[in-house]
Amino acid sequence: MIWRKEVRETIQYRNAYFLAYSATAGYVCFGWDIGLIGGVLALPSFTHYFGIDQESSDARATLSGNIVSVLTAGGL
């Protein structure tokens, strides 16, 4: 009997569960993108291919910040 009550409550609040699941999945995907871009920017092959390794440290920091900002804005 207790199990049936729990099933009924779950069905009753299914929209809330769906919303929570969707929000969590979106948050995980957004966090994964942000974490990934940091690793990509540090790859020697990436910096060499785009010529970032030939820039000054200030220019590299500015460029990396701009890349992360555009990624973040695109994720919204």
Protein backbone atom coordinates (compact mmCIF):
# COMPACT_ATOMS: atom_id res chain seq x y z
CA MET A 1 0.00 0.00 0.00
CA ILE A 2 2.78 2.44 0.79
CA TRP A 3 4.36 1.76 -2.59
CA ARG A 4 1.14 2.69 -4.41
CA LYS A 5 0.97 5.97 -2.51
CA GLU A 6 4.52 6.80 -3.55
CA VAL A 7 3.78 5.97 -7.18
CA ARG A 8 0.69 8.20 -7.11
CA GLU A 9 2.70 11.09 -5.64
CA THR A 10 5.40 10.62 -8.24
CA ILE A 11 2.85 10.71 -11.03
CA GLN A 12 1.18 13.73 -9.47
CA TYR A 13 4.43 15.71 -9.44
CA ARG A 14 5.85 14.41 -12.73
CA ASN A 15 6.13 17.92 -14.20
CA ALA A 16 8.28 19.02 -11.27
CA TYR A 17 10.52 15.98 -11.68
CA PHE A 18 10.82 16.62 -15.41
CA LEU A 19 11.73 20.26 -14.81
CA ALA A 20 14.34 19.32 -12.22
CA TYR A 21 15.84 16.70 -14.52
CA SER A 22 15.95 19.12 -17.46
CA ALA A 23 17.57 21.87 -15.41
CA THR A 24 20.16 19.46 -14.04
CA ALA A 25 21.00 18.06 -17.47
CA GLY A 26 21.40 21.59 -18.86
CA TYR A 27 23.61 22.60 -15.96
CA VAL A 28 25.83 19.54 -16.40
CA CYS A 29 26.22 20.15 -20.14
CA PHE A 30 27.01 23.83 -19.62
CA GLY A 31 29.59 23.00 -16.94
CA TRP A 32 31.17 20.38 -19.19
CA ASP A 33 31.59 22.96 -21.98
CA ILE A 34 33.25 25.44 -19.64
CA GLY A 35 35.58 22.77 -18.28
CA LEU A 36 36.47 21.55 -21.74
CA ILE A 37 37.46 24.92 -23.17
CA GLY A 38 40.12 25.42 -20.48
CA GLY A 39 41.82 22.19 -21.50
CA VAL A 40 41.59 22.98 -25.19
CA LEU A 41 43.16 26.42 -24.71
CA ALA A 42 46.10 24.81 -22.92
CA LEU A 43 46.83 22.26 -25.67
CA PRO A 44 50.13 22.95 -27.44
CA SER A 45 48.64 21.81 -30.76
CA PHE A 46 45.81 24.36 -30.42
CA THR A 47 48.11 27.24 -29.55
CA HIS A 48 50.52 26.36 -32.37
CA TYR A 49 47.80 25.91 -35.00
CA PHE A 50 46.21 29.29 -34.26
CA GLY A 51 49.51 31.08 -33.64
CA ILE A 52 48.73 31.89 -30.04
CA ASP A 53 52.12 30.65 -28.87
CA GLN A 54 53.82 33.49 -30.77
CA GLU A 55 51.86 36.20 -28.94
CA SER A 56 52.91 37.96 -25.75
CA SER A 57 51.56 36.71 -22.45
CA ASP A 58 49.16 39.67 -22.20
CA ALA A 59 47.81 39.04 -25.70
CA ARG A 60 47.41 35.32 -24.92
CA ALA A 61 45.48 36.09 -21.74
CA THR A 62 43.22 38.55 -23.55
CA LEU A 63 42.58 36.12 -26.40
CA SER A 64 41.85 33.24 -24.03
CA GLY A 65 39.44 35.43 -22.08
CA ASN A 66 37.66 36.44 -25.26
CA ILE A 67 37.34 32.81 -26.40
CA VAL A 68 35.86 31.73 -23.06
CA SER A 69 33.51 34.74 -23.03
CA VAL A 70 32.18 33.97 -26.50
CA LEU A 71 31.68 30.33 -25.54
CA THR A 72 29.82 31.35 -22.40
CA ALA A 73 27.62 33.82 -24.29
CA GLY A 74 26.87 31.18 -26.91
CA GLY A 75 25.78 28.75 -24.22
CA LEU A 76 23.15 31.10 -22.89
